Amino acid sequence: MGDEAIILKAGDGILVPEGVLHSAEVVGVEAVISVDTPKM
């Protein structure tokens, strides 16, 4: 978010507040199963 970069590992997660612009990029060879989940 913003200029901040966060590298997530298997099982990690991050809370992105509603309305905040963000992006994600896969930086490895393994497939990503999910990068977006509904609010819990």
PDB file of N, CA and C in Angstrom:
ATOM      1  N   MET A   1       0.858  -1.169   0.000  1.00  0.00           N
ATOM      2  CA  MET A   1       0.000   0.000   0.000  1.00  0.00           C
ATOM      3  C   MET A   1       0.900   1.226   0.000  1.00  0.00           C
ATOM      4  N   GLY A   2       0.608   2.117  -0.881  1.00  0.00           N
ATOM      5  CA  GLY A   2       1.498   3.253  -1.019  1.00  0.00           C
ATOM      6  C   GLY A   2       2.842   2.799  -1.564  1.00  0.00           C
ATOM      7  N   ASP A   3       3.910   3.276  -0.984  1.00  0.00           N
ATOM      8  CA  ASP A   3       5.257   2.872  -1.402  1.00  0.00           C
ATOM      9  C   ASP A   3       5.782   1.698  -0.600  1.00  0.00           C
ATOM     10  N   GLU A   4       4.981   1.165   0.315  1.00  0.00           N
ATOM     11  CA  GLU A   4       5.417   0.078   1.181  1.00  0.00           C
ATOM     12  C   GLU A   4       5.331  -1.264   0.451  1.00  0.00           C
ATOM     13  N   ALA A   5       6.376  -2.071   0.580  1.00  0.00           N
ATOM     14  CA  ALA A   5       6.375  -3.419   0.003  1.00  0.00           C
ATOM     15  C   ALA A   5       6.404  -4.429   1.143  1.00  0.00           C
ATOM     16  N   ILE A   6       5.555  -5.442   1.051  1.00  0.00           N
ATOM     17  CA  ILE A   6       5.490  -6.492   2.061  1.00  0.00           C
ATOM     18  C   ILE A   6       5.588  -7.822   1.343  1.00  0.00           C
ATOM     19  N   ILE A   7       6.503  -8.671   1.759  1.00  0.00           N
ATOM     20  CA  ILE A   7       6.643 -10.005   1.169  1.00  0.00           C
ATOM     21  C   ILE A   7       5.954 -10.996   2.097  1.00  0.00           C
ATOM     22  N   LEU A   8       4.923 -11.658   1.566  1.00  0.00           N
ATOM     23  CA  LEU A   8       4.172 -12.646   2.332  1.00  0.00           C
ATOM     24  C   LEU A   8       4.689 -14.039   2.027  1.00  0.00           C
ATOM     25  N   LYS A   9       4.675 -14.887   3.038  1.00  0.00           N
ATOM     26  CA  LYS A   9       5.058 -16.293   2.884  1.00  0.00           C
ATOM     27  C   LYS A   9       3.814 -17.151   3.070  1.00  0.00           C
ATOM     28  N   ALA A  10       3.929 -18.424   2.807  1.00  0.00           N
ATOM     29  CA  ALA A  10       2.800 -19.348   2.936  1.00  0.00           C
ATOM     30  C   ALA A  10       2.124 -19.176   4.291  1.00  0.00           C
ATOM     31  N   GLY A  11       0.807 -18.993   4.269  1.00  0.00           N
ATOM     32  CA  GLY A  11       0.031 -18.843   5.493  1.00  0.00           C
ATOM     33  C   GLY A  11      -0.072 -17.418   5.997  1.00  0.00           C
ATOM     34  N   ASP A  12       0.684 -16.485   5.436  1.00  0.00           N
ATOM     35  CA  ASP A  12       0.624 -15.084   5.852  1.00  0.00           C
ATOM     36  C   ASP A  12      -0.592 -14.403   5.242  1.00  0.00           C
ATOM     37  N   GLY A  13      -0.966 -13.292   5.808  1.00  0.00           N
ATOM     38  CA  GLY A  13      -2.057 -12.496   5.285  1.00  0.00           C
ATOM     39  C   GLY A  13      -1.834 -11.042   5.633  1.00  0.00           C
ATOM     40  N   ILE A  14      -2.602 -10.175   5.032  1.00  0.00           N
ATOM     41  CA  ILE A  14      -2.500  -8.746   5.296  1.00  0.00           C
ATOM     42  C   ILE A  14      -3.894  -8.142   5.215  1.00  0.00           C
ATOM     43  N   LEU A  15      -4.198  -7.230   6.116  1.00  0.00           N
ATOM     44  CA  LEU A  15      -5.478  -6.539   6.112  1.00  0.00           C
ATOM     45  C   LEU A  15      -5.332  -5.250   5.317  1.00  0.00           C
ATOM     46  N   VAL A  16      -6.119  -5.133   4.264  1.00  0.00           N
ATOM     47  CA  VAL A  16      -6.123  -3.924   3.444  1.00  0.00           C
ATOM     48  C   VAL A  16      -7.438  -3.206   3.729  1.00  0.00           C
ATOM     49  N   PRO A  17      -7.374  -2.022   4.326  1.00  0.00           N
ATOM     50  CA  PRO A  17      -8.608  -1.295   4.627  1.00  0.00           C
ATOM     51  C   PRO A  17      -9.425  -1.009   3.364  1.00  0.00           C
ATOM     52  N   GLU A  18     -10.732  -0.993   3.520  1.00  0.00           N
ATOM     53  CA  GLU A  18     -11.628  -0.731   2.401  1.00  0.00           C
ATOM     54  C   GLU A  18     -11.298   0.604   1.749  1.00  0.00           C
ATOM     55  N   GLY A  19     -11.267   0.613   0.427  1.00  0.00           N
ATOM     56  CA  GLY A  19     -11.034   1.835  -0.318  1.00  0.00           C
ATOM     57  C   GLY A  19      -9.581   2.198  -0.540  1.00  0.00           C
ATOM     58  N   VAL A  20      -8.648   1.411   0.026  1.00  0.00           N
ATOM     59  CA  VAL A  20      -7.225   1.701  -0.138  1.00  0.00           C
ATOM     60  C   VAL A  20      -6.727   1.052  -1.430  1.00  0.00           C
ATOM     61  N   LEU A  21      -6.103   1.840  -2.301  1.00  0.00           N
ATOM     62  CA  LEU A  21      -5.537   1.289  -3.525  1.00  0.00           C
ATOM     63  C   LEU A  21      -4.353   0.403  -3.167  1.00  0.00           C
ATOM     64  N   HIS A  22      -4.275  -0.759  -3.806  1.00  0.00           N
ATOM     65  CA  HIS A  22      -3.187  -1.697  -3.529  1.00  0.00           C
ATOM     66  C   HIS A  22      -2.993  -2.606  -4.734  1.00  0.00           C
ATOM     67  N   SER A  23      -1.894  -3.337  -4.734  1.00  0.00           N
ATOM     68  CA  SER A  23      -1.637  -4.300  -5.800  1.00  0.00           C
ATOM     69  C   SER A  23      -0.846  -5.459  -5.212  1.00  0.00           C
ATOM     70  N   ALA A  24      -0.771  -6.541  -5.975  1.00  0.00           N
ATOM     71  CA  ALA A  24      -0.023  -7.721  -5.552  1.00  0.00           C
ATOM     72  C   ALA A  24       0.730  -8.280  -6.739  1.00  0.00           C
ATOM     73  N   GLU A  25       1.867  -8.876  -6.466  1.00  0.00           N
ATOM     74  CA  GLU A  25       2.696  -9.467  -7.519  1.00  0.00           C
ATOM     75  C   GLU A  25       3.283 -10.773  -6.995  1.00  0.00           C
ATOM     76  N   VAL A  26       3.215 -11.819  -7.797  1.00  0.00           N
ATOM     77  CA  VAL A  26       3.829 -13.100  -7.445  1.00  0.00           C
ATOM     78  C   VAL A  26       5.308 -13.003  -7.781  1.00  0.00           C
ATOM     79  N   VAL A  27       6.172 -13.302  -6.796  1.00  0.00           N
ATOM     80  CA  VAL A  27       7.617 -13.165  -7.004  1.00  0.00           C
ATOM     81  C   VAL A  27       8.344 -14.503  -6.855  1.00  0.00           C
ATOM     82  N   GLY A  28       7.655 -15.590  -7.086  1.00  0.00           N
ATOM     83  CA  GLY A  28       8.262 -16.914  -7.005  1.00  0.00           C
ATOM     84  C   GLY A  28       7.733 -17.802  -8.114  1.00  0.00           C
ATOM     85  N   VAL A  29       8.070 -19.079  -8.045  1.00  0.00           N
ATOM     86  CA  VAL A  29       7.639 -20.012  -9.076  1.00  0.00           C
ATOM     87  C   VAL A  29       6.378 -20.777  -8.690  1.00  0.00           C
ATOM     88  N   GLU A  30       5.992 -20.734  -7.399  1.00  0.00           N
ATOM     89  CA  GLU A  30       4.799 -21.452  -6.966  1.00  0.00           C
ATOM     90  C   GLU A  30       3.543 -20.637  -7.271  1.00  0.00           C
ATOM     91  N   ALA A  31       2.456 -21.336  -7.565  1.00  0.00           N
ATOM     92  CA  ALA A  31       1.187 -20.681  -7.878  1.00  0.00           C
ATOM     93  C   ALA A  31       0.588 -20.045  -6.624  1.00  0.00           C
ATOM     94  N   VAL A  32      -0.133 -18.959  -6.826  1.00  0.00           N
ATOM     95  CA  VAL A  32      -0.877 -18.311  -5.749  1.00  0.00           C
ATOM     96  C   VAL A  32      -2.313 -18.789  -5.851  1.00  0.00           C
ATOM     97  N   ILE A  33      -2.850 -19.308  -4.745  1.00  0.00           N
ATOM     98  CA  ILE A  33      -4.206 -19.836  -4.765  1.00  0.00           C
ATOM     99  C   ILE A  33      -5.229 -18.731  -4.536  1.00  0.00           C
ATOM    100  N   SER A  34      -4.924 -17.771  -3.673  1.00  0.00           N
ATOM    101  CA  SER A  34      -5.866 -16.684  -3.405  1.00  0.00           C
ATOM    102  C   SER A  34      -5.112 -15.463  -2.895  1.00  0.00           C
ATOM    103  N   VAL A  35      -5.453 -14.296  -3.427  1.00  0.00           N
ATOM    104  CA  VAL A  35      -4.870 -13.060  -2.910  1.00  0.00           C
ATOM    105  C   VAL A  35      -5.952 -12.105  -2.400  1.00  0.00           C
ATOM    106  N   ASP A  36      -7.226 -12.493  -2.490  1.00  0.00           N
ATOM    107  CA  ASP A  36      -8.308 -11.624  -2.066  1.00  0.00           C
ATOM    108  C   ASP A  36      -9.375 -12.477  -1.402  1.00  0.00           C
ATOM    109  N   THR A  37      -9.801 -12.072  -0.213  1.00  0.00           N
ATOM    110  CA  THR A  37     -10.854 -12.801   0.514  1.00  0.00           C
ATOM    111  C   THR A  37     -11.891 -11.814   1.018  1.00  0.00           C
ATOM    112  N   PRO A  38     -13.106 -12.291   1.253  1.00  0.00           N
ATOM    113  CA  PRO A  38     -14.131 -11.388   1.774  1.00  0.00           C
ATOM    114  C   PRO A  38     -13.846 -10.997   3.224  1.00  0.00           C
ATOM    115  N   LYS A  39     -14.450  -9.889   3.634  1.00  0.00           N
ATOM    116  CA  LYS A  39     -14.313  -9.447   5.025  1.00  0.00           C
ATOM    117  C   LYS A  39     -14.888 -10.500   5.949  1.00  0.00           C
ATOM    118  N   MET A  40     -14.170 -10.776   7.006  1.00  0.00           N
ATOM    119  CA  MET A  40     -14.613 -11.802   7.964  1.00  0.00           C
ATOM    120  C   MET A  40     -15.219 -11.166   9.192  1.00  0.00           C
TER     121      MET A  40
END
